[in-house]
């Protein structure tokens, strides 16, 4: 998330916290298969009743809970809402791919993955 948020600050002066918040649900969904039970814990912490949910359902619930939190506290939901231009996505993705923070992601992300994540968040 941080590696993708940095170029948004550099290109658009998007506040780092806002950029992270917009990207987080999309990156969480990308990482979901690499998280074991962690997303169940996140969903529970976000107030979701996870008892009886499958692992996949708990993962989806965690992602949706973060997206809902963003909406409820007034964080823009999409990159287009903070002025990101779709045509800049390839350059943003390359900058994110080259960012030192990108290597710390639980799931390895290719340049194509990062492009897709920006499109999903756009």
PDB file of N, CA and C in Angstrom:
ATOM      1  N   UNK A   1       0.833  -1.191   0.000  1.00  0.00           N
ATOM      2  CA  UNK A   1       0.000   0.000   0.000  1.00  0.00           C
ATOM      3  C   UNK A   1       0.876   1.253   0.000  1.00  0.00           C
ATOM      4  N   UNK A   2       1.875   1.289   0.866  1.00  0.00           N
ATOM      5  CA  UNK A   2       2.709   2.493   0.954  1.00  0.00           C
ATOM      6  C   UNK A   2       3.447   2.753  -0.349  1.00  0.00           C
ATOM      7  N   UNK A   3       3.958   1.700  -0.967  1.00  0.00           N
ATOM      8  CA  UNK A   3       4.677   1.865  -2.222  1.00  0.00           C
ATOM      9  C   UNK A   3       3.804   2.452  -3.315  1.00  0.00           C
ATOM     10  N   UNK A   4       2.522   2.140  -3.293  1.00  0.00           N
ATOM     11  CA  UNK A   4       1.592   2.704  -4.267  1.00  0.00           C
ATOM     12  C   UNK A   4       1.122   4.098  -3.861  1.00  0.00           C
ATOM     13  N   UNK A   5       1.121   4.388  -2.572  1.00  0.00           N
ATOM     14  CA  UNK A   5       0.687   5.707  -2.098  1.00  0.00           C
ATOM     15  C   UNK A   5       1.747   6.775  -2.357  1.00  0.00           C
ATOM     16  N   UNK A   6       3.011   6.407  -2.266  1.00  0.00           N
ATOM     17  CA  UNK A   6       4.079   7.400  -2.453  1.00  0.00           C
ATOM     18  C   UNK A   6       3.968   8.149  -3.782  1.00  0.00           C
ATOM     19  N   UNK A   7       3.796   7.467  -4.930  1.00  0.00           N
ATOM     20  CA  UNK A   7       3.682   8.218  -6.183  1.00  0.00           C
ATOM     21  C   UNK A   7       2.465   9.143  -6.229  1.00  0.00           C
ATOM     22  N   UNK A   8       1.399   8.792  -5.520  1.00  0.00           N
ATOM     23  CA  UNK A   8       0.226   9.671  -5.507  1.00  0.00           C
ATOM     24  C   UNK A   8       0.551  10.994  -4.824  1.00  0.00           C
ATOM     25  N   UNK A   9       1.373  10.937  -3.796  1.00  0.00           N
ATOM     26  CA  UNK A   9       1.834  12.164  -3.160  1.00  0.00           C
ATOM     27  C   UNK A   9       2.753  12.948  -4.072  1.00  0.00           C
ATOM     28  N   UNK A  10       3.654  12.241  -4.744  1.00  0.00           N
ATOM     29  CA  UNK A  10       4.623  12.904  -5.614  1.00  0.00           C
ATOM     30  C   UNK A  10       3.962  13.515  -6.850  1.00  0.00           C
ATOM     31  N   UNK A  11       3.034  12.795  -7.479  1.00  0.00           N
ATOM     32  CA  UNK A  11       2.398  13.262  -8.712  1.00  0.00           C
ATOM     33  C   UNK A  11       1.276  14.269  -8.440  1.00  0.00           C
ATOM     34  N   UNK A  12       0.536  14.054  -7.360  1.00  0.00           N
ATOM     35  CA  UNK A  12      -0.702  14.806  -7.145  1.00  0.00           C
ATOM     36  C   UNK A  12      -0.784  15.529  -5.809  1.00  0.00           C
ATOM     37  N   UNK A  13       0.239  15.413  -4.982  1.00  0.00           N
ATOM     38  CA  UNK A  13       0.201  15.970  -3.626  1.00  0.00           C
ATOM     39  C   UNK A  13      -0.951  15.399  -2.798  1.00  0.00           C
ATOM     40  N   UNK A  14      -1.343  14.176  -3.100  1.00  0.00           N
ATOM     41  CA  UNK A  14      -2.377  13.502  -2.316  1.00  0.00           C
ATOM     42  C   UNK A  14      -1.812  13.214  -0.933  1.00  0.00           C
ATOM     43  N   UNK A  15      -2.497  13.601   0.129  1.00  0.00           N
ATOM     44  CA  UNK A  15      -2.006  13.278   1.473  1.00  0.00           C
ATOM     45  C   UNK A  15      -1.778  11.769   1.615  1.00  0.00           C
ATOM     46  N   UNK A  16      -0.674  11.416   2.241  1.00  0.00           N
ATOM     47  CA  UNK A  16      -0.268  10.010   2.312  1.00  0.00           C
ATOM     48  C   UNK A  16      -1.331   9.131   2.977  1.00  0.00           C
ATOM     49  N   UNK A  17      -1.932   9.609   4.045  1.00  0.00           N
ATOM     50  CA  UNK A  17      -2.959   8.826   4.724  1.00  0.00           C
ATOM     51  C   UNK A  17      -4.178   8.596   3.851  1.00  0.00           C
ATOM     52  N   UNK A  18      -4.586   9.607   3.112  1.00  0.00           N
ATOM     53  CA  UNK A  18      -5.728   9.481   2.211  1.00  0.00           C
ATOM     54  C   UNK A  18      -5.401   8.487   1.103  1.00  0.00           C
ATOM     55  N   UNK A  19      -4.222   8.601   0.525  1.00  0.00           N
ATOM     56  CA  UNK A  19      -3.817   7.673  -0.532  1.00  0.00           C
ATOM     57  C   UNK A  19      -3.809   6.237  -0.019  1.00  0.00           C
ATOM     58  N   UNK A  20      -3.244   6.021   1.158  1.00  0.00           N
ATOM     59  CA  UNK A  20      -3.222   4.679   1.743  1.00  0.00           C
ATOM     60  C   UNK A  20      -4.633   4.162   1.978  1.00  0.00           C
ATOM     61  N   UNK A  21      -5.501   5.014   2.502  1.00  0.00           N
ATOM     62  CA  UNK A  21      -6.873   4.590   2.799  1.00  0.00           C
ATOM     63  C   UNK A  21      -7.628   4.198   1.533  1.00  0.00           C
ATOM     64  N   UNK A  22      -7.460   4.954   0.461  1.00  0.00           N
ATOM     65  CA  UNK A  22      -8.126   4.628  -0.802  1.00  0.00           C
ATOM     66  C   UNK A  22      -7.624   3.293  -1.337  1.00  0.00           C
ATOM     67  N   UNK A  23      -6.330   3.092  -1.281  1.00  0.00           N
ATOM     68  CA  UNK A  23      -5.725   1.885  -1.848  1.00  0.00           C
ATOM     69  C   UNK A  23      -5.918   0.641  -0.984  1.00  0.00           C
ATOM     70  N   UNK A  24      -6.043   0.824   0.322  1.00  0.00           N
ATOM     71  CA  UNK A  24      -6.014  -0.311   1.243  1.00  0.00           C
ATOM     72  C   UNK A  24      -7.008  -1.420   0.915  1.00  0.00           C
ATOM     73  N   UNK A  25      -8.292  -1.154   0.679  1.00  0.00           N
ATOM     74  CA  UNK A  25      -9.194  -2.275   0.409  1.00  0.00           C
ATOM     75  C   UNK A  25      -8.808  -3.066  -0.843  1.00  0.00           C
ATOM     76  N   UNK A  26      -8.300  -2.376  -1.847  1.00  0.00           N
ATOM     77  CA  UNK A  26      -7.922  -3.041  -3.097  1.00  0.00           C
ATOM     78  C   UNK A  26      -6.685  -3.911  -2.899  1.00  0.00           C
ATOM     79  N   UNK A  27      -5.718  -3.382  -2.165  1.00  0.00           N
ATOM     80  CA  UNK A  27      -4.505  -4.154  -1.892  1.00  0.00           C
ATOM     81  C   UNK A  27      -4.816  -5.301  -0.932  1.00  0.00           C
ATOM     82  N   UNK A  28      -5.717  -5.070   0.009  1.00  0.00           N
ATOM     83  CA  UNK A  28      -6.135  -6.164   0.896  1.00  0.00           C
ATOM     84  C   UNK A  28      -6.729  -7.313   0.083  1.00  0.00           C
ATOM     85  N   UNK A  29      -7.595  -6.997  -0.868  1.00  0.00           N
ATOM     86  CA  UNK A  29      -8.205  -8.039  -1.696  1.00  0.00           C
ATOM     87  C   UNK A  29      -7.122  -8.791  -2.480  1.00  0.00           C
ATOM     88  N   UNK A  30      -6.145  -8.057  -3.007  1.00  0.00           N
ATOM     89  CA  UNK A  30      -5.033  -8.670  -3.737  1.00  0.00           C
ATOM     90  C   UNK A  30      -4.250  -9.614  -2.831  1.00  0.00           C
ATOM     91  N   UNK A  31      -4.043  -9.207  -1.592  1.00  0.00           N
ATOM     92  CA  UNK A  31      -3.239  -9.991  -0.647  1.00  0.00           C
ATOM     93  C   UNK A  31      -4.018 -11.085   0.072  1.00  0.00           C
ATOM     94  N   UNK A  32      -5.321 -11.100  -0.047  1.00  0.00           N
ATOM     95  CA  UNK A  32      -6.169 -11.955   0.792  1.00  0.00           C
ATOM     96  C   UNK A  32      -5.716 -13.412   0.826  1.00  0.00           C
ATOM     97  N   UNK A  33      -5.339 -13.966  -0.283  1.00  0.00           N
ATOM     98  CA  UNK A  33      -4.940 -15.368  -0.323  1.00  0.00           C
ATOM     99  C   UNK A  33      -3.643 -15.664   0.402  1.00  0.00           C
ATOM    100  N   UNK A  34      -2.928 -14.647   0.796  1.00  0.00           N
ATOM    101  CA  UNK A  34      -1.638 -14.814   1.479  1.00  0.00           C
ATOM    102  C   UNK A  34      -1.718 -14.458   2.958  1.00  0.00           C
ATOM    103  N   UNK A  35      -2.929 -14.403   3.512  1.00  0.00           N
ATOM    104  CA  UNK A  35      -3.076 -13.866   4.863  1.00  0.00           C
ATOM    105  C   UNK A  35      -3.508 -14.869   5.919  1.00  0.00           C
ATOM    106  N   UNK A  36      -3.778 -16.106   5.549  1.00  0.00           N
ATOM    107  CA  UNK A  36      -4.280 -17.100   6.504  1.00  0.00           C
ATOM    108  C   UNK A  36      -5.480 -16.534   7.252  1.00  0.00           C
ATOM    109  N   UNK A  37      -5.422 -16.501   8.585  1.00  0.00           N
ATOM    110  CA  UNK A  37      -6.559 -16.051   9.405  1.00  0.00           C
ATOM    111  C   UNK A  37      -6.497 -14.558   9.762  1.00  0.00           C
ATOM    112  N   UNK A  38      -5.480 -13.851   9.292  1.00  0.00           N
ATOM    113  CA  UNK A  38      -5.309 -12.449   9.698  1.00  0.00           C
ATOM    114  C   UNK A  38      -6.517 -11.582   9.349  1.00  0.00           C
ATOM    115  N   UNK A  39      -7.110 -11.813   8.197  1.00  0.00           N
ATOM    116  CA  UNK A  39      -8.244 -10.983   7.804  1.00  0.00           C
ATOM    117  C   UNK A  39      -9.471 -11.281   8.647  1.00  0.00           C
ATOM    118  N   UNK A  40      -9.586 -12.499   9.161  1.00  0.00           N
ATOM    119  CA  UNK A  40     -10.680 -12.811  10.086  1.00  0.00           C
ATOM    120  C   UNK A  40     -10.540 -11.928  11.331  1.00  0.00           C
ATOM    121  N   UNK A  41      -9.302 -11.797  11.811  1.00  0.00           N
ATOM    122  CA  UNK A  41      -9.040 -10.940  12.972  1.00  0.00           C
ATOM    123  C   UNK A  41      -9.354  -9.480  12.666  1.00  0.00           C
ATOM    124  N   UNK A  42      -9.009  -9.040  11.463  1.00  0.00           N
ATOM    125  CA  UNK A  42      -9.305  -7.662  11.061  1.00  0.00           C
ATOM    126  C   UNK A  42     -10.816  -7.449  11.014  1.00  0.00           C
ATOM    127  N   UNK A  43     -11.522  -8.378  10.394  1.00  0.00           N
ATOM    128  CA  UNK A  43     -12.981  -8.256  10.305  1.00  0.00           C
ATOM    129  C   UNK A  43     -13.595  -8.192  11.699  1.00  0.00           C
ATOM    130  N   UNK A  44     -13.142  -9.060  12.586  1.00  0.00           N
ATOM    131  CA  UNK A  44     -13.653  -9.072  13.964  1.00  0.00           C
ATOM    132  C   UNK A  44     -13.384  -7.718  14.634  1.00  0.00           C
ATOM    133  N   UNK A  45     -12.169  -7.204  14.470  1.00  0.00           N
ATOM    134  CA  UNK A  45     -11.809  -5.916  15.078  1.00  0.00           C
ATOM    135  C   UNK A  45     -12.647  -4.772  14.511  1.00  0.00           C
ATOM    136  N   UNK A  46     -13.134  -4.947  13.299  1.00  0.00           N
ATOM    137  CA  UNK A  46     -13.961  -3.922  12.654  1.00  0.00           C
ATOM    138  C   UNK A  46     -15.443  -4.101  12.989  1.00  0.00           C
ATOM    139  N   UNK A  47     -15.749  -5.060  13.866  1.00  0.00           N
ATOM    140  CA  UNK A  47     -17.122  -5.236  14.314  1.00  0.00           C
ATOM    141  C   UNK A  47     -17.940  -6.250  13.545  1.00  0.00           C
ATOM    142  N   UNK A  48     -17.294  -6.993  12.660  1.00  0.00           N
ATOM    143  CA  UNK A  48     -18.001  -8.012  11.878  1.00  0.00           C
ATOM    144  C   UNK A  48     -18.135  -9.279  12.717  1.00  0.00           C
ATOM    145  N   UNK A  49     -19.309  -9.874  12.695  1.00  0.00           N
ATOM    146  CA  UNK A  49     -19.511 -11.161  13.360  1.00  0.00           C
ATOM    147  C   UNK A  49     -18.973 -12.241  12.428  1.00  0.00           C
ATOM    148  N   UNK A  50     -17.806 -12.771  12.752  1.00  0.00           N
ATOM    149  CA  UNK A  50     -17.121 -13.702  11.857  1.00  0.00           C
ATOM    150  C   UNK A  50     -17.403 -15.171  12.173  1.00  0.00           C
ATOM    151  N   UNK A  51     -18.070 -15.436  13.285  1.00  0.00           N
ATOM    152  CA  UNK A  51     -18.368 -16.814  13.638  1.00  0.00           C
ATOM    153  C   UNK A  51     -19.228 -17.433  12.537  1.00  0.00           C
ATOM    154  N   UNK A  52     -18.825 -18.598  12.083  1.00  0.00           N
ATOM    155  CA  UNK A  52     -19.563 -19.296  11.043  1.00  0.00           C
ATOM    156  C   UNK A  52     -19.195 -18.895   9.630  1.00  0.00           C
ATOM    157  N   UNK A  53     -18.371 -17.866   9.481  1.00  0.00           N
ATOM    158  CA  UNK A  53     -17.944 -17.462   8.139  1.00  0.00           C
ATOM    159  C   UNK A  53     -16.800 -18.346   7.672  1.00  0.00           C
ATOM    160  N   UNK A  54     -16.821 -18.688   6.401  1.00  0.00           N
ATOM    161  CA  UNK A  54     -15.677 -19.388   5.821  1.00  0.00           C
ATOM    162  C   UNK A  54     -14.493 -18.428   5.789  1.00  0.00           C
ATOM    163  N   UNK A  55     -13.317 -18.959   5.541  1.00  0.00           N
ATOM    164  CA  UNK A  55     -12.129 -18.110   5.452  1.00  0.00           C
ATOM    165  C   UNK A  55     -12.306 -17.064   4.356  1.00  0.00           C
ATOM    166  N   UNK A  56     -12.815 -17.480   3.207  1.00  0.00           N
ATOM    167  CA  UNK A  56     -13.032 -16.553   2.095  1.00  0.00           C
ATOM    168  C   UNK A  56     -14.057 -15.478   2.471  1.00  0.00           C
ATOM    169  N   UNK A  57     -15.127 -15.868   3.127  1.00  0.00           N
ATOM    170  CA  UNK A  57     -16.138 -14.899   3.552  1.00  0.00           C
ATOM    171  C   UNK A  57     -15.564 -13.909   4.561  1.00  0.00           C
ATOM    172  N   UNK A  58     -14.747 -14.396   5.473  1.00  0.00           N
ATOM    173  CA  UNK A  58     -14.120 -13.514   6.465  1.00  0.00           C
ATOM    174  C   UNK A  58     -13.159 -12.542   5.791  1.00  0.00           C
ATOM    175  N   UNK A  59     -12.419 -13.032   4.813  1.00  0.00           N
ATOM    176  CA  UNK A  59     -11.504 -12.146   4.078  1.00  0.00           C
ATOM    177  C   UNK A  59     -12.288 -11.048   3.371  1.00  0.00           C
ATOM    178  N   UNK A  60     -13.353 -11.433   2.677  1.00  0.00           N
ATOM    179  CA  UNK A  60     -14.180 -10.443   1.984  1.00  0.00           C
ATOM    180  C   UNK A  60     -14.814  -9.464   2.962  1.00  0.00           C
ATOM    181  N   UNK A  61     -15.239  -9.961   4.111  1.00  0.00           N
ATOM    182  CA  UNK A  61     -15.850  -9.094   5.124  1.00  0.00           C
ATOM    183  C   UNK A  61     -14.853  -8.062   5.636  1.00  0.00           C
ATOM    184  N   UNK A  62     -13.606  -8.458   5.800  1.00  0.00           N
ATOM    185  CA  UNK A  62     -12.573  -7.519   6.253  1.00  0.00           C
ATOM    186  C   UNK A  62     -12.370  -6.409   5.229  1.00  0.00           C
ATOM    187  N   UNK A  63     -12.283  -6.789   3.966  1.00  0.00           N
ATOM    188  CA  UNK A  63     -12.097  -5.797   2.903  1.00  0.00           C
ATOM    189  C   UNK A  63     -13.287  -4.843   2.871  1.00  0.00           C
ATOM    190  N   UNK A  64     -14.484  -5.380   2.915  1.00  0.00           N
ATOM    191  CA  UNK A  64     -15.684  -4.542   2.870  1.00  0.00           C
ATOM    192  C   UNK A  64     -15.783  -3.636   4.093  1.00  0.00           C
ATOM    193  N   UNK A  65     -15.351  -4.125   5.249  1.00  0.00           N
ATOM    194  CA  UNK A  65     -15.388  -3.308   6.469  1.00  0.00           C
ATOM    195  C   UNK A  65     -14.458  -2.107   6.346  1.00  0.00           C
ATOM    196  N   UNK A  66     -13.298  -2.292   5.748  1.00  0.00           N
ATOM    197  CA  UNK A  66     -12.367  -1.173   5.554  1.00  0.00           C
ATOM    198  C   UNK A  66     -12.947  -0.177   4.554  1.00  0.00           C
ATOM    199  N   UNK A  67     -13.521  -0.694   3.472  1.00  0.00           N
ATOM    200  CA  UNK A  67     -14.146   0.184   2.483  1.00  0.00           C
ATOM    201  C   UNK A  67     -15.278   0.989   3.127  1.00  0.00           C
ATOM    202  N   UNK A  68     -16.087   0.334   3.946  1.00  0.00           N
ATOM    203  CA  UNK A  68     -17.193   0.999   4.637  1.00  0.00           C
ATOM    204  C   UNK A  68     -16.683   2.059   5.610  1.00  0.00           C
ATOM    205  N   UNK A  69     -15.621   1.738   6.336  1.00  0.00           N
ATOM    206  CA  UNK A  69     -15.036   2.718   7.248  1.00  0.00           C
ATOM    207  C   UNK A  69     -14.594   3.959   6.483  1.00  0.00           C
ATOM    208  N   UNK A  70     -13.917   3.761   5.367  1.00  0.00           N
ATOM    209  CA  UNK A  70     -13.496   4.901   4.546  1.00  0.00           C
ATOM    210  C   UNK A  70     -14.696   5.773   4.194  1.00  0.00           C
ATOM    211  N   UNK A  71     -15.751   5.134   3.712  1.00  0.00           N
ATOM    212  CA  UNK A  71     -16.955   5.881   3.318  1.00  0.00           C
ATOM    213  C   UNK A  71     -17.559   6.610   4.518  1.00  0.00           C
ATOM    214  N   UNK A  72     -17.661   5.901   5.630  1.00  0.00           N
ATOM    215  CA  UNK A  72     -18.322   6.468   6.809  1.00  0.00           C
ATOM    216  C   UNK A  72     -17.588   7.669   7.398  1.00  0.00           C
ATOM    217  N   UNK A  73     -16.277   7.709   7.264  1.00  0.00           N
ATOM    218  CA  UNK A  73     -15.519   8.836   7.820  1.00  0.00           C
ATOM    219  C   UNK A  73     -15.196   9.901   6.768  1.00  0.00           C
ATOM    220  N   UNK A  74     -15.727   9.727   5.556  1.00  0.00           N
ATOM    221  CA  UNK A  74     -15.602  10.761   4.541  1.00  0.00           C
ATOM    222  C   UNK A  74     -14.324  10.738   3.729  1.00  0.00           C
ATOM    223  N   UNK A  75     -13.627   9.620   3.739  1.00  0.00           N
ATOM    224  CA  UNK A  75     -12.432   9.505   2.897  1.00  0.00           C
ATOM    225  C   UNK A  75     -12.893   9.258   1.466  1.00  0.00           C
ATOM    226  N   UNK A  76     -12.308   9.932   0.485  1.00  0.00           N
ATOM    227  CA  UNK A  76     -12.674   9.648  -0.899  1.00  0.00           C
ATOM    228  C   UNK A  76     -12.503   8.149  -1.178  1.00  0.00           C
ATOM    229  N   UNK A  77     -13.416   7.588  -1.960  1.00  0.00           N
ATOM    230  CA  UNK A  77     -13.398   6.141  -2.174  1.00  0.00           C
ATOM    231  C   UNK A  77     -12.525   5.708  -3.340  1.00  0.00           C
ATOM    232  N   UNK A  78     -12.301   6.599  -4.288  1.00  0.00           N
ATOM    233  CA  UNK A  78     -11.569   6.220  -5.493  1.00  0.00           C
ATOM    234  C   UNK A  78     -10.511   7.264  -5.825  1.00  0.00           C
ATOM    235  N   UNK A  79      -9.513   6.833  -6.535  1.00  0.00           N
ATOM    236  CA  UNK A  79      -8.430   7.742  -6.920  1.00  0.00           C
ATOM    237  C   UNK A  79      -8.934   8.881  -7.791  1.00  0.00           C
ATOM    238  N   UNK A  80      -9.917   8.621  -8.623  1.00  0.00           N
ATOM    239  CA  UNK A  80     -10.470   9.698  -9.463  1.00  0.00           C
ATOM    240  C   UNK A  80     -11.072  10.812  -8.605  1.00  0.00           C
ATOM    241  N   UNK A  81     -11.507  10.454  -7.389  1.00  0.00           N
ATOM    242  CA  UNK A  81     -12.101  11.442  -6.485  1.00  0.00           C
ATOM    243  C   UNK A  81     -11.075  12.427  -5.935  1.00  0.00           C
ATOM    244  N   UNK A  82      -9.789  12.093  -6.040  1.00  0.00           N
ATOM    245  CA  UNK A  82      -8.735  13.007  -5.583  1.00  0.00           C
ATOM    246  C   UNK A  82      -7.929  13.549  -6.766  1.00  0.00           C
ATOM    247  N   UNK A  83      -8.505  13.442  -7.972  1.00  0.00           N
ATOM    248  CA  UNK A  83      -7.913  14.065  -9.144  1.00  0.00           C
ATOM    249  C   UNK A  83      -6.915  13.234  -9.923  1.00  0.00           C
ATOM    250  N   UNK A  84      -6.767  11.962  -9.585  1.00  0.00           N
ATOM    251  CA  UNK A  84      -5.835  11.112 -10.333  1.00  0.00           C
ATOM    252  C   UNK A  84      -6.397  10.892 -11.736  1.00  0.00           C
ATOM    253  N   UNK A  85      -5.525  11.069 -12.714  1.00  0.00           N
ATOM    254  CA  UNK A  85      -5.919  10.873 -14.107  1.00  0.00           C
ATOM    255  C   UNK A  85      -5.589   9.448 -14.530  1.00  0.00           C
ATOM    256  N   UNK A  86      -6.542   8.817 -15.172  1.00  0.00           N
ATOM    257  CA  UNK A  86      -6.386   7.423 -15.587  1.00  0.00           C
ATOM    258  C   UNK A  86      -5.147   7.237 -16.467  1.00  0.00           C
ATOM    259  N   UNK A  87      -4.872   8.206 -17.303  1.00  0.00           N
ATOM    260  CA  UNK A  87      -3.730   8.080 -18.218  1.00  0.00           C
ATOM    261  C   UNK A  87      -2.386   8.108 -17.489  1.00  0.00           C
ATOM    262  N   UNK A  88      -2.376   8.523 -16.229  1.00  0.00           N
ATOM    263  CA  UNK A  88      -1.139   8.526 -15.442  1.00  0.00           C
ATOM    264  C   UNK A  88      -0.861   7.181 -14.770  1.00  0.00           C
ATOM    265  N   UNK A  89      -1.806   6.258 -14.829  1.00  0.00           N
ATOM    266  CA  UNK A  89      -1.641   4.990 -14.114  1.00  0.00           C
ATOM    267  C   UNK A  89      -0.368   4.242 -14.503  1.00  0.00           C
ATOM    268  N   UNK A  90      -0.003   4.136 -15.781  1.00  0.00           N
ATOM    269  CA  UNK A  90       1.249   3.427 -16.080  1.00  0.00           C
ATOM    270  C   UNK A  90       2.474   4.039 -15.392  1.00  0.00           C
ATOM    271  N   UNK A  91       2.570   5.360 -15.369  1.00  0.00           N
ATOM    272  CA  UNK A  91       3.711   6.017 -14.710  1.00  0.00           C
ATOM    273  C   UNK A  91       3.643   5.842 -13.199  1.00  0.00           C
ATOM    274  N   UNK A  92       2.448   5.948 -12.626  1.00  0.00           N
ATOM    275  CA  UNK A  92       2.285   5.713 -11.189  1.00  0.00           C
ATOM    276  C   UNK A  92       2.698   4.291 -10.837  1.00  0.00           C
ATOM    277  N   UNK A  93       2.269   3.340 -11.658  1.00  0.00           N
ATOM    278  CA  UNK A  93       2.582   1.935 -11.393  1.00  0.00           C
ATOM    279  C   UNK A  93       4.080   1.675 -11.465  1.00  0.00           C
ATOM    280  N   UNK A  94       4.754   2.264 -12.433  1.00  0.00           N
ATOM    281  CA  UNK A  94       6.203   2.068 -12.528  1.00  0.00           C
ATOM    282  C   UNK A  94       6.895   2.648 -11.307  1.00  0.00           C
ATOM    283  N   UNK A  95       6.472   3.832 -10.887  1.00  0.00           N
ATOM    284  CA  UNK A  95       7.066   4.441  -9.691  1.00  0.00           C
ATOM    285  C   UNK A  95       6.800   3.581  -8.463  1.00  0.00           C
ATOM    286  N   UNK A  96       5.600   3.040  -8.354  1.00  0.00           N
ATOM    287  CA  UNK A  96       5.273   2.170  -7.218  1.00  0.00           C
ATOM    288  C   UNK A  96       6.076   0.878  -7.266  1.00  0.00           C
ATOM    289  N   UNK A  97       6.212   0.311  -8.441  1.00  0.00           N
ATOM    290  CA  UNK A  97       6.979  -0.927  -8.605  1.00  0.00           C
ATOM    291  C   UNK A  97       8.426  -0.722  -8.169  1.00  0.00           C
ATOM    292  N   UNK A  98       8.966   0.454  -8.439  1.00  0.00           N
ATOM    293  CA  UNK A  98      10.351   0.774  -8.094  1.00  0.00           C
ATOM    294  C   UNK A  98      10.516   1.243  -6.651  1.00  0.00           C
ATOM    295  N   UNK A  99       9.427   1.486  -5.941  1.00  0.00           N
ATOM    296  CA  UNK A  99       9.475   1.995  -4.569  1.00  0.00           C
ATOM    297  C   UNK A  99       9.981   0.920  -3.612  1.00  0.00           C
ATOM    298  N   UNK A 100      10.832   1.312  -2.690  1.00  0.00           N
ATOM    299  CA  UNK A 100      11.427   0.376  -1.737  1.00  0.00           C
ATOM    300  C   UNK A 100      10.369  -0.315  -0.875  1.00  0.00           C
ATOM    301  N   UNK A 101       9.257   0.324  -0.620  1.00  0.00           N
ATOM    302  CA  UNK A 101       8.213  -0.264   0.238  1.00  0.00           C
ATOM    303  C   UNK A 101       7.449  -1.396  -0.447  1.00  0.00           C
ATOM    304  N   UNK A 102       7.467  -1.433  -1.758  1.00  0.00           N
ATOM    305  CA  UNK A 102       6.695  -2.438  -2.481  1.00  0.00           C
ATOM    306  C   UNK A 102       7.174  -3.848  -2.166  1.00  0.00           C
ATOM    307  N   UNK A 103       8.439  -4.019  -1.907  1.00  0.00           N
ATOM    308  CA  UNK A 103       8.978  -5.345  -1.609  1.00  0.00           C
ATOM    309  C   UNK A 103       8.492  -5.930  -0.304  1.00  0.00           C
ATOM    310  N   UNK A 104       7.915  -5.131   0.566  1.00  0.00           N
ATOM    311  CA  UNK A 104       7.445  -5.621   1.854  1.00  0.00           C
ATOM    312  C   UNK A 104       6.034  -6.173   1.827  1.00  0.00           C
ATOM    313  N   UNK A 105       5.426  -6.225   0.671  1.00  0.00           N
ATOM    314  CA  UNK A 105       4.054  -6.718   0.562  1.00  0.00           C
ATOM    315  C   UNK A 105       3.995  -8.224   0.809  1.00  0.00           C
ATOM    316  N   UNK A 106       2.950  -8.715   1.465  1.00  0.00           N
ATOM    317  CA  UNK A 106       2.851 -10.161   1.735  1.00  0.00           C
ATOM    318  C   UNK A 106       2.814 -11.022   0.474  1.00  0.00           C
ATOM    319  N   UNK A 107       2.299 -10.472  -0.613  1.00  0.00           N
ATOM    320  CA  UNK A 107       2.231 -11.189  -1.889  1.00  0.00           C
ATOM    321  C   UNK A 107       3.044 -10.404  -2.907  1.00  0.00           C
ATOM    322  N   UNK A 108       3.911 -11.073  -3.609  1.00  0.00           N
ATOM    323  CA  UNK A 108       4.718 -10.386  -4.613  1.00  0.00           C
ATOM    324  C   UNK A 108       3.813  -9.818  -5.697  1.00  0.00           C
ATOM    325  N   UNK A 109       4.072  -8.574  -6.056  1.00  0.00           N
ATOM    326  CA  UNK A 109       3.264  -7.891  -7.063  1.00  0.00           C
ATOM    327  C   UNK A 109       4.125  -7.564  -8.271  1.00  0.00           C
ATOM    328  N   UNK A 110       3.661  -7.970  -9.437  1.00  0.00           N
ATOM    329  CA  UNK A 110       4.330  -7.611 -10.683  1.00  0.00           C
ATOM    330  C   UNK A 110       3.906  -6.199 -11.082  1.00  0.00           C
ATOM    331  N   UNK A 111       4.577  -5.649 -12.065  1.00  0.00           N
ATOM    332  CA  UNK A 111       4.179  -4.337 -12.581  1.00  0.00           C
ATOM    333  C   UNK A 111       2.740  -4.398 -13.088  1.00  0.00           C
ATOM    334  N   UNK A 112       2.387  -5.474 -13.782  1.00  0.00           N
ATOM    335  CA  UNK A 112       1.014  -5.626 -14.282  1.00  0.00           C
ATOM    336  C   UNK A 112       0.008  -5.682 -13.133  1.00  0.00           C
ATOM    337  N   UNK A 113       0.369  -6.343 -12.041  1.00  0.00           N
ATOM    338  CA  UNK A 113      -0.513  -6.384 -10.866  1.00  0.00           C
ATOM    339  C   UNK A 113      -0.756  -4.979 -10.326  1.00  0.00           C
ATOM    340  N   UNK A 114       0.301  -4.191 -10.252  1.00  0.00           N
ATOM    341  CA  UNK A 114       0.183  -2.837  -9.707  1.00  0.00           C
ATOM    342  C   UNK A 114      -0.661  -1.960 -10.625  1.00  0.00           C
ATOM    343  N   UNK A 115      -0.471  -2.099 -11.929  1.00  0.00           N
ATOM    344  CA  UNK A 115      -1.316  -1.370 -12.883  1.00  0.00           C
ATOM    345  C   UNK A 115      -2.781  -1.729 -12.638  1.00  0.00           C
ATOM    346  N   UNK A 116      -3.066  -3.019 -12.509  1.00  0.00           N
ATOM    347  CA  UNK A 116      -4.440  -3.470 -12.279  1.00  0.00           C
ATOM    348  C   UNK A 116      -4.997  -2.925 -10.962  1.00  0.00           C
ATOM    349  N   UNK A 117      -4.184  -2.920  -9.915  1.00  0.00           N
ATOM    350  CA  UNK A 117      -4.633  -2.388  -8.627  1.00  0.00           C
ATOM    351  C   UNK A 117      -4.983  -0.903  -8.728  1.00  0.00           C
ATOM    352  N   UNK A 118      -4.155  -0.136  -9.422  1.00  0.00           N
ATOM    353  CA  UNK A 118      -4.482   1.283  -9.613  1.00  0.00           C
ATOM    354  C   UNK A 118      -5.794   1.434 -10.397  1.00  0.00           C
ATOM    355  N   UNK A 119      -5.977   0.599 -11.422  1.00  0.00           N
ATOM    356  CA  UNK A 119      -7.229   0.673 -12.185  1.00  0.00           C
ATOM    357  C   UNK A 119      -8.430   0.333 -11.307  1.00  0.00           C
ATOM    358  N   UNK A 120      -8.299  -0.679 -10.466  1.00  0.00           N
ATOM    359  CA  UNK A 120      -9.390  -1.042  -9.563  1.00  0.00           C
ATOM    360  C   UNK A 120      -9.704   0.094  -8.591  1.00  0.00           C
ATOM    361  N   UNK A 121      -8.672   0.791  -8.150  1.00  0.00           N
ATOM    362  CA  UNK A 121      -8.851   1.894  -7.206  1.00  0.00           C
ATOM    363  C   UNK A 121      -9.259   3.193  -7.893  1.00  0.00           C
ATOM    364  N   UNK A 122      -9.129   3.252  -9.202  1.00  0.00           N
ATOM    365  CA  UNK A 122      -9.438   4.482  -9.918  1.00  0.00           C
ATOM    366  C   UNK A 122     -10.947   4.706  -9.987  1.00  0.00           C
TER     367      UNK A 122
END
